[in-house]
């Protein structure tokens, strides 16, 4: 005997009320430089996997890693700027 199952969850998974809020979209927008820097780092690492890395590959990886660190620092500073207190 074959059982019939509903796909209600799959159908309603994309309902308009499940869209991200404006606050969530703003948070994503603030984190976007870090996300893009992370993508650049992964791409540089993938390129280095195909062959023995040369000096250009090493520079690309270092620069991408530095962009990830800079984006994280900027985001952390932006978040801490809105909080009272902090370092004296």
PDB file of N, CA and C in Angstrom:
ATOM      1  N   UNK A   1       0.842  -1.169   0.000  1.00  0.00           N
ATOM      2  CA  UNK A   1       0.000   0.000   0.000  1.00  0.00           C
ATOM      3  C   UNK A   1       0.893   1.240   0.000  1.00  0.00           C
ATOM      4  N   UNK A   2       0.615   2.186  -0.860  1.00  0.00           N
ATOM      5  CA  UNK A   2       1.365   3.430  -0.926  1.00  0.00           C
ATOM      6  C   UNK A   2       0.671   4.487  -0.082  1.00  0.00           C
ATOM      7  N   UNK A   3       1.450   5.179   0.726  1.00  0.00           N
ATOM      8  CA  UNK A   3       0.900   6.236   1.558  1.00  0.00           C
ATOM      9  C   UNK A   3       1.087   7.569   0.859  1.00  0.00           C
ATOM     10  N   UNK A   4       0.088   8.395   0.944  1.00  0.00           N
ATOM     11  CA  UNK A   4       0.150   9.711   0.355  1.00  0.00           C
ATOM     12  C   UNK A   4       0.528  10.693   1.457  1.00  0.00           C
ATOM     13  N   UNK A   5       1.583  11.442   1.222  1.00  0.00           N
ATOM     14  CA  UNK A   5       2.025  12.420   2.205  1.00  0.00           C
ATOM     15  C   UNK A   5       1.887  13.809   1.612  1.00  0.00           C
ATOM     16  N   UNK A   6       1.651  14.774   2.465  1.00  0.00           N
ATOM     17  CA  UNK A   6       1.514  16.141   1.976  1.00  0.00           C
ATOM     18  C   UNK A   6       2.878  16.806   1.907  1.00  0.00           C
ATOM     19  N   UNK A   7       2.948  17.814   1.102  1.00  0.00           N
ATOM     20  CA  UNK A   7       4.178  18.592   0.984  1.00  0.00           C
ATOM     21  C   UNK A   7       3.917  20.008   1.456  1.00  0.00           C
ATOM     22  N   UNK A   8       3.105  20.136   2.482  1.00  0.00           N
ATOM     23  CA  UNK A   8       2.716  21.451   2.981  1.00  0.00           C
ATOM     24  C   UNK A   8       3.927  22.283   3.398  1.00  0.00           C
ATOM     25  N   UNK A   9       4.903  21.652   4.081  1.00  0.00           N
ATOM     26  CA  UNK A   9       6.076  22.405   4.518  1.00  0.00           C
ATOM     27  C   UNK A   9       6.872  22.936   3.330  1.00  0.00           C
ATOM     28  N   UNK A  10       7.008  22.130   2.299  1.00  0.00           N
ATOM     29  CA  UNK A  10       7.749  22.581   1.129  1.00  0.00           C
ATOM     30  C   UNK A  10       7.017  23.686   0.395  1.00  0.00           C
ATOM     31  N   UNK A  11       5.695  23.633   0.394  1.00  0.00           N
ATOM     32  CA  UNK A  11       4.911  24.646  -0.302  1.00  0.00           C
ATOM     33  C   UNK A  11       4.930  25.966   0.454  1.00  0.00           C
ATOM     34  N   UNK A  12       4.832  25.912   1.769  1.00  0.00           N
ATOM     35  CA  UNK A  12       4.759  27.138   2.556  1.00  0.00           C
ATOM     36  C   UNK A  12       6.130  27.643   2.994  1.00  0.00           C
ATOM     37  N   UNK A  13       7.193  26.975   2.579  1.00  0.00           N
ATOM     38  CA  UNK A  13       8.534  27.401   3.006  1.00  0.00           C
ATOM     39  C   UNK A  13       8.904  28.760   2.441  1.00  0.00           C
ATOM     40  N   UNK A  14       8.232  29.204   1.409  1.00  0.00           N
ATOM     41  CA  UNK A  14       8.587  30.470   0.773  1.00  0.00           C
ATOM     42  C   UNK A  14       7.442  31.473   0.835  1.00  0.00           C
ATOM     43  N   UNK A  15       6.688  31.427   1.887  1.00  0.00           N
ATOM     44  CA  UNK A  15       5.601  32.375   2.073  1.00  0.00           C
ATOM     45  C   UNK A  15       6.165  33.766   2.327  1.00  0.00           C
ATOM     46  N   UNK A  16       5.438  34.808   1.936  1.00  0.00           N
ATOM     47  CA  UNK A  16       5.944  36.179   2.130  1.00  0.00           C
ATOM     48  C   UNK A  16       6.223  36.532   3.584  1.00  0.00           C
ATOM     49  N   UNK A  17       5.499  35.952   4.511  1.00  0.00           N
ATOM     50  CA  UNK A  17       5.717  36.292   5.913  1.00  0.00           C
ATOM     51  C   UNK A  17       7.018  35.709   6.445  1.00  0.00           C
ATOM     52  N   UNK A  18       7.691  34.896   5.656  1.00  0.00           N
ATOM     53  CA  UNK A  18       8.963  34.316   6.080  1.00  0.00           C
ATOM     54  C   UNK A  18      10.150  35.089   5.513  1.00  0.00           C
ATOM     55  N   UNK A  19       9.916  36.211   4.883  1.00  0.00           N
ATOM     56  CA  UNK A  19      10.986  37.031   4.333  1.00  0.00           C
ATOM     57  C   UNK A  19      11.791  37.672   5.460  1.00  0.00           C
ATOM     58  N   UNK A  20      13.061  38.000   5.214  1.00  0.00           N
ATOM     59  CA  UNK A  20      13.855  38.656   6.260  1.00  0.00           C
ATOM     60  C   UNK A  20      13.316  40.052   6.556  1.00  0.00           C
ATOM     61  N   UNK A  21      13.458  40.450   7.798  1.00  0.00           N
ATOM     62  CA  UNK A  21      12.996  41.773   8.202  1.00  0.00           C
ATOM     63  C   UNK A  21      13.993  42.824   7.729  1.00  0.00           C
ATOM     64  N   UNK A  22      13.593  44.081   7.830  1.00  0.00           N
ATOM     65  CA  UNK A  22      14.496  45.167   7.445  1.00  0.00           C
ATOM     66  C   UNK A  22      15.751  45.172   8.308  1.00  0.00           C
ATOM     67  N   UNK A  23      15.600  44.868   9.594  1.00  0.00           N
ATOM     68  CA  UNK A  23      16.762  44.829  10.490  1.00  0.00           C
ATOM     69  C   UNK A  23      17.724  43.721  10.078  1.00  0.00           C
ATOM     70  N   UNK A  24      17.184  42.564   9.690  1.00  0.00           N
ATOM     71  CA  UNK A  24      18.043  41.467   9.247  1.00  0.00           C
ATOM     72  C   UNK A  24      18.756  41.814   7.944  1.00  0.00           C
ATOM     73  N   UNK A  25      18.070  42.471   7.037  1.00  0.00           N
ATOM     74  CA  UNK A  25      18.692  42.893   5.788  1.00  0.00           C
ATOM     75  C   UNK A  25      19.784  43.928   6.036  1.00  0.00           C
ATOM     76  N   UNK A  26      19.559  44.835   6.993  1.00  0.00           N
ATOM     77  CA  UNK A  26      20.585  45.819   7.345  1.00  0.00           C
ATOM     78  C   UNK A  26      21.821  45.136   7.935  1.00  0.00           C
ATOM     79  N   UNK A  27      21.592  44.118   8.775  1.00  0.00           N
ATOM     80  CA  UNK A  27      22.717  43.393   9.367  1.00  0.00           C
ATOM     81  C   UNK A  27      23.516  42.671   8.286  1.00  0.00           C
ATOM     82  N   UNK A  28      22.824  42.090   7.324  1.00  0.00           N
ATOM     83  CA  UNK A  28      23.511  41.419   6.218  1.00  0.00           C
ATOM     84  C   UNK A  28      24.315  42.434   5.416  1.00  0.00           C
ATOM     85  N   UNK A  29      23.724  43.595   5.182  1.00  0.00           N
ATOM     86  CA  UNK A  29      24.416  44.635   4.419  1.00  0.00           C
ATOM     87  C   UNK A  29      25.685  45.104   5.131  1.00  0.00           C
ATOM     88  N   UNK A  30      25.631  45.206   6.458  1.00  0.00           N
ATOM     89  CA  UNK A  30      26.812  45.616   7.219  1.00  0.00           C
ATOM     90  C   UNK A  30      27.897  44.547   7.179  1.00  0.00           C
ATOM     91  N   UNK A  31      27.501  43.283   7.133  1.00  0.00           N
ATOM     92  CA  UNK A  31      28.468  42.190   7.124  1.00  0.00           C
ATOM     93  C   UNK A  31      28.949  41.834   5.726  1.00  0.00           C
ATOM     94  N   UNK A  32      28.379  42.440   4.696  1.00  0.00           N
ATOM     95  CA  UNK A  32      28.714  42.080   3.324  1.00  0.00           C
ATOM     96  C   UNK A  32      30.202  42.246   2.984  1.00  0.00           C
ATOM     97  N   UNK A  33      30.899  43.299   3.428  1.00  0.00           N
ATOM     98  CA  UNK A  33      32.340  43.369   3.116  1.00  0.00           C
ATOM     99  C   UNK A  33      33.121  42.169   3.665  1.00  0.00           C
ATOM    100  N   UNK A  34      32.759  41.712   4.846  1.00  0.00           N
ATOM    101  CA  UNK A  34      33.424  40.538   5.410  1.00  0.00           C
ATOM    102  C   UNK A  34      33.089  39.270   4.645  1.00  0.00           C
ATOM    103  N   UNK A  35      31.854  39.160   4.204  1.00  0.00           N
ATOM    104  CA  UNK A  35      31.445  38.000   3.421  1.00  0.00           C
ATOM    105  C   UNK A  35      32.206  37.962   2.104  1.00  0.00           C
ATOM    106  N   UNK A  36      32.265  39.097   1.416  1.00  0.00           N
ATOM    107  CA  UNK A  36      32.971  39.156   0.134  1.00  0.00           C
ATOM    108  C   UNK A  36      34.470  38.910   0.304  1.00  0.00           C
ATOM    109  N   UNK A  37      35.037  39.420   1.392  1.00  0.00           N
ATOM    110  CA  UNK A  37      36.458  39.176   1.657  1.00  0.00           C
ATOM    111  C   UNK A  37      36.705  37.689   1.919  1.00  0.00           C
ATOM    112  N   UNK A  38      35.785  37.051   2.611  1.00  0.00           N
ATOM    113  CA  UNK A  38      35.903  35.611   2.846  1.00  0.00           C
ATOM    114  C   UNK A  38      35.829  34.812   1.556  1.00  0.00           C
ATOM    115  N   UNK A  39      34.966  35.256   0.648  1.00  0.00           N
ATOM    116  CA  UNK A  39      34.864  34.594  -0.649  1.00  0.00           C
ATOM    117  C   UNK A  39      36.172  34.742  -1.415  1.00  0.00           C
ATOM    118  N   UNK A  40      36.751  35.938  -1.379  1.00  0.00           N
ATOM    119  CA  UNK A  40      38.041  36.151  -2.052  1.00  0.00           C
ATOM    120  C   UNK A  40      39.126  35.248  -1.470  1.00  0.00           C
ATOM    121  N   UNK A  41      39.114  35.076  -0.150  1.00  0.00           N
ATOM    122  CA  UNK A  41      40.108  34.222   0.493  1.00  0.00           C
ATOM    123  C   UNK A  41      39.929  32.770   0.056  1.00  0.00           C
ATOM    124  N   UNK A  42      38.701  32.313   0.016  1.00  0.00           N
ATOM    125  CA  UNK A  42      38.448  30.935  -0.409  1.00  0.00           C
ATOM    126  C   UNK A  42      38.872  30.740  -1.863  1.00  0.00           C
ATOM    127  N   UNK A  43      38.578  31.721  -2.716  1.00  0.00           N
ATOM    128  CA  UNK A  43      38.993  31.614  -4.118  1.00  0.00           C
ATOM    129  C   UNK A  43      40.510  31.556  -4.240  1.00  0.00           C
ATOM    130  N   UNK A  44      41.217  32.360  -3.451  1.00  0.00           N
ATOM    131  CA  UNK A  44      42.682  32.335  -3.489  1.00  0.00           C
ATOM    132  C   UNK A  44      43.209  30.979  -3.019  1.00  0.00           C
ATOM    133  N   UNK A  45      42.565  30.400  -2.026  1.00  0.00           N
ATOM    134  CA  UNK A  45      42.996  29.094  -1.534  1.00  0.00           C
ATOM    135  C   UNK A  45      42.705  27.993  -2.551  1.00  0.00           C
ATOM    136  N   UNK A  46      41.590  28.107  -3.248  1.00  0.00           N
ATOM    137  CA  UNK A  46      41.257  27.110  -4.269  1.00  0.00           C
ATOM    138  C   UNK A  46      42.265  27.167  -5.413  1.00  0.00           C
ATOM    139  N   UNK A  47      42.639  28.376  -5.821  1.00  0.00           N
ATOM    140  CA  UNK A  47      43.629  28.520  -6.888  1.00  0.00           C
ATOM    141  C   UNK A  47      44.944  27.858  -6.479  1.00  0.00           C
ATOM    142  N   UNK A  48      45.317  28.005  -5.221  1.00  0.00           N
ATOM    143  CA  UNK A  48      46.572  27.432  -4.741  1.00  0.00           C
ATOM    144  C   UNK A  48      46.506  25.905  -4.634  1.00  0.00           C
ATOM    145  N   UNK A  49      45.306  25.333  -4.636  1.00  0.00           N
ATOM    146  CA  UNK A  49      45.187  23.875  -4.556  1.00  0.00           C
ATOM    147  C   UNK A  49      45.517  23.189  -5.875  1.00  0.00           C
ATOM    148  N   UNK A  50      45.324  23.880  -6.975  1.00  0.00           N
ATOM    149  CA  UNK A  50      45.495  23.264  -8.287  1.00  0.00           C
ATOM    150  C   UNK A  50      46.949  23.005  -8.654  1.00  0.00           C
ATOM    151  N   UNK A  51      47.857  23.737  -8.065  1.00  0.00           N
ATOM    152  CA  UNK A  51      49.270  23.615  -8.410  1.00  0.00           C
ATOM    153  C   UNK A  51      50.099  24.070  -7.210  1.00  0.00           C
ATOM    154  N   UNK A  52      51.383  23.832  -7.250  1.00  0.00           N
ATOM    155  CA  UNK A  52      52.212  24.368  -6.159  1.00  0.00           C
ATOM    156  C   UNK A  52      52.133  25.896  -6.162  1.00  0.00           C
ATOM    157  N   UNK A  53      51.848  26.491  -5.027  1.00  0.00           N
ATOM    158  CA  UNK A  53      51.672  27.950  -5.003  1.00  0.00           C
ATOM    159  C   UNK A  53      52.982  28.675  -5.312  1.00  0.00           C
ATOM    160  N   UNK A  54      52.859  29.700  -6.137  1.00  0.00           N
ATOM    161  CA  UNK A  54      54.018  30.536  -6.432  1.00  0.00           C
ATOM    162  C   UNK A  54      53.898  31.830  -5.628  1.00  0.00           C
ATOM    163  N   UNK A  55      54.781  32.771  -5.868  1.00  0.00           N
ATOM    164  CA  UNK A  55      54.783  34.009  -5.085  1.00  0.00           C
ATOM    165  C   UNK A  55      53.498  34.812  -5.288  1.00  0.00           C
ATOM    166  N   UNK A  56      52.976  34.820  -6.504  1.00  0.00           N
ATOM    167  CA  UNK A  56      51.731  35.552  -6.773  1.00  0.00           C
ATOM    168  C   UNK A  56      50.567  34.932  -5.992  1.00  0.00           C
ATOM    169  N   UNK A  57      50.512  33.602  -5.949  1.00  0.00           N
ATOM    170  CA  UNK A  57      49.467  32.923  -5.181  1.00  0.00           C
ATOM    171  C   UNK A  57      49.591  33.248  -3.693  1.00  0.00           C
ATOM    172  N   UNK A  58      50.817  33.258  -3.197  1.00  0.00           N
ATOM    173  CA  UNK A  58      51.030  33.588  -1.787  1.00  0.00           C
ATOM    174  C   UNK A  58      50.602  35.020  -1.484  1.00  0.00           C
ATOM    175  N   UNK A  59      50.931  35.944  -2.369  1.00  0.00           N
ATOM    176  CA  UNK A  59      50.512  37.337  -2.166  1.00  0.00           C
ATOM    177  C   UNK A  59      48.996  37.456  -2.200  1.00  0.00           C
ATOM    178  N   UNK A  60      48.375  36.759  -3.149  1.00  0.00           N
ATOM    179  CA  UNK A  60      46.910  36.797  -3.255  1.00  0.00           C
ATOM    180  C   UNK A  60      46.266  36.287  -1.970  1.00  0.00           C
ATOM    181  N   UNK A  61      46.792  35.206  -1.430  1.00  0.00           N
ATOM    182  CA  UNK A  61      46.251  34.642  -0.185  1.00  0.00           C
ATOM    183  C   UNK A  61      46.461  35.592   0.991  1.00  0.00           C
ATOM    184  N   UNK A  62      47.660  36.175   1.095  1.00  0.00           N
ATOM    185  CA  UNK A  62      47.927  37.109   2.195  1.00  0.00           C
ATOM    186  C   UNK A  62      47.025  38.333   2.127  1.00  0.00           C
ATOM    187  N   UNK A  63      46.874  38.877   0.926  1.00  0.00           N
ATOM    188  CA  UNK A  63      46.021  40.057   0.769  1.00  0.00           C
ATOM    189  C   UNK A  63      44.569  39.740   1.090  1.00  0.00           C
ATOM    190  N   UNK A  64      44.103  38.590   0.630  1.00  0.00           N
ATOM    191  CA  UNK A  64      42.723  38.199   0.924  1.00  0.00           C
ATOM    192  C   UNK A  64      42.542  37.987   2.424  1.00  0.00           C
ATOM    193  N   UNK A  65      43.529  37.371   3.069  1.00  0.00           N
ATOM    194  CA  UNK A  65      43.446  37.161   4.513  1.00  0.00           C
ATOM    195  C   UNK A  65      43.434  38.491   5.254  1.00  0.00           C
ATOM    196  N   UNK A  66      44.260  39.431   4.810  1.00  0.00           N
ATOM    197  CA  UNK A  66      44.279  40.756   5.434  1.00  0.00           C
ATOM    198  C   UNK A  66      42.952  41.482   5.244  1.00  0.00           C
ATOM    199  N   UNK A  67      42.305  41.303   4.079  1.00  0.00           N
ATOM    200  CA  UNK A  67      40.989  41.918   3.866  1.00  0.00           C
ATOM    201  C   UNK A  67      39.939  41.327   4.791  1.00  0.00           C
ATOM    202  N   UNK A  68      40.020  40.017   5.041  1.00  0.00           N
ATOM    203  CA  UNK A  68      39.095  39.376   5.982  1.00  0.00           C
ATOM    204  C   UNK A  68      39.294  39.958   7.383  1.00  0.00           C
ATOM    205  N   UNK A  69      40.557  40.084   7.796  1.00  0.00           N
ATOM    206  CA  UNK A  69      40.842  40.641   9.119  1.00  0.00           C
ATOM    207  C   UNK A  69      40.388  42.098   9.224  1.00  0.00           C
ATOM    208  N   UNK A  70      40.633  42.884   8.185  1.00  0.00           N
ATOM    209  CA  UNK A  70      40.241  44.291   8.199  1.00  0.00           C
ATOM    210  C   UNK A  70      38.726  44.439   8.234  1.00  0.00           C
ATOM    211  N   UNK A  71      38.018  43.613   7.475  1.00  0.00           N
ATOM    212  CA  UNK A  71      36.554  43.680   7.481  1.00  0.00           C
ATOM    213  C   UNK A  71      36.002  43.281   8.841  1.00  0.00           C
ATOM    214  N   UNK A  72      36.592  42.267   9.460  1.00  0.00           N
ATOM    215  CA  UNK A  72      36.155  41.867  10.802  1.00  0.00           C
ATOM    216  C   UNK A  72      36.428  42.936  11.839  1.00  0.00           C
ATOM    217  N   UNK A  73      37.589  43.582  11.726  1.00  0.00           N
ATOM    218  CA  UNK A  73      37.922  44.664  12.648  1.00  0.00           C
ATOM    219  C   UNK A  73      36.958  45.829  12.483  1.00  0.00           C
ATOM    220  N   UNK A  74      36.676  46.189  11.234  1.00  0.00           N
ATOM    221  CA  UNK A  74      35.752  47.293  10.979  1.00  0.00           C
ATOM    222  C   UNK A  74      34.365  46.993  11.528  1.00  0.00           C
ATOM    223  N   UNK A  75      33.902  45.772  11.317  1.00  0.00           N
ATOM    224  CA  UNK A  75      32.584  45.390  11.822  1.00  0.00           C
ATOM    225  C   UNK A  75      32.557  45.398  13.350  1.00  0.00           C
ATOM    226  N   UNK A  76      33.608  44.906  13.977  1.00  0.00           N
ATOM    227  CA  UNK A  76      33.666  44.896  15.439  1.00  0.00           C
ATOM    228  C   UNK A  76      33.707  46.318  15.991  1.00  0.00           C
ATOM    229  N   UNK A  77      34.474  47.185  15.347  1.00  0.00           N
ATOM    230  CA  UNK A  77      34.534  48.576  15.799  1.00  0.00           C
ATOM    231  C   UNK A  77      33.188  49.270  15.622  1.00  0.00           C
ATOM    232  N   UNK A  78      32.498  48.966  14.532  1.00  0.00           N
ATOM    233  CA  UNK A  78      31.196  49.568  14.285  1.00  0.00           C
ATOM    234  C   UNK A  78      30.183  49.117  15.333  1.00  0.00           C
ATOM    235  N   UNK A  79      30.255  47.844  15.690  1.00  0.00           N
ATOM    236  CA  UNK A  79      29.326  47.317  16.698  1.00  0.00           C
ATOM    237  C   UNK A  79      29.621  47.890  18.077  1.00  0.00           C
ATOM    238  N   UNK A  80      30.904  48.013  18.410  1.00  0.00           N
ATOM    239  CA  UNK A  80      31.248  48.497  19.744  1.00  0.00           C
ATOM    240  C   UNK A  80      31.054  49.989  19.874  1.00  0.00           C
ATOM    241  N   UNK A  81      31.041  50.708  18.756  1.00  0.00           N
ATOM    242  CA  UNK A  81      30.845  52.168  18.809  1.00  0.00           C
ATOM    243  C   UNK A  81      29.448  52.522  19.291  1.00  0.00           C
ATOM    244  N   UNK A  82      28.507  51.643  19.063  1.00  0.00           N
ATOM    245  CA  UNK A  82      27.134  51.912  19.477  1.00  0.00           C
ATOM    246  C   UNK A  82      26.849  51.572  20.921  1.00  0.00           C
ATOM    247  N   UNK A  83      27.794  50.976  21.604  1.00  0.00           N
ATOM    248  CA  UNK A  83      27.585  50.554  22.994  1.00  0.00           C
ATOM    249  C   UNK A  83      28.202  51.556  23.947  1.00  0.00           C
ATOM    250  N   UNK A  84      27.543  51.796  25.063  1.00  0.00           N
ATOM    251  CA  UNK A  84      28.139  52.698  26.044  1.00  0.00           C
ATOM    252  C   UNK A  84      29.333  52.048  26.734  1.00  0.00           C
ATOM    253  N   UNK A  85      30.223  52.864  27.231  1.00  0.00           N
ATOM    254  CA  UNK A  85      31.409  52.349  27.914  1.00  0.00           C
ATOM    255  C   UNK A  85      32.521  52.113  26.929  1.00  0.00           C
ATOM    256  N   UNK A  86      33.319  51.111  27.172  1.00  0.00           N
ATOM    257  CA  UNK A  86      34.400  50.797  26.249  1.00  0.00           C
ATOM    258  C   UNK A  86      35.733  51.107  26.889  1.00  0.00           C
ATOM    259  N   UNK A  87      36.762  51.005  26.091  1.00  0.00           N
ATOM    260  CA  UNK A  87      38.113  51.235  26.582  1.00  0.00           C
ATOM    261  C   UNK A  87      38.334  52.711  26.861  1.00  0.00           C
ATOM    262  N   UNK A  88      39.090  52.975  27.901  1.00  0.00           N
ATOM    263  CA  UNK A  88      39.349  54.381  28.272  1.00  0.00           C
ATOM    264  C   UNK A  88      40.606  54.874  27.615  1.00  0.00           C
TER     265      UNK A  88
END
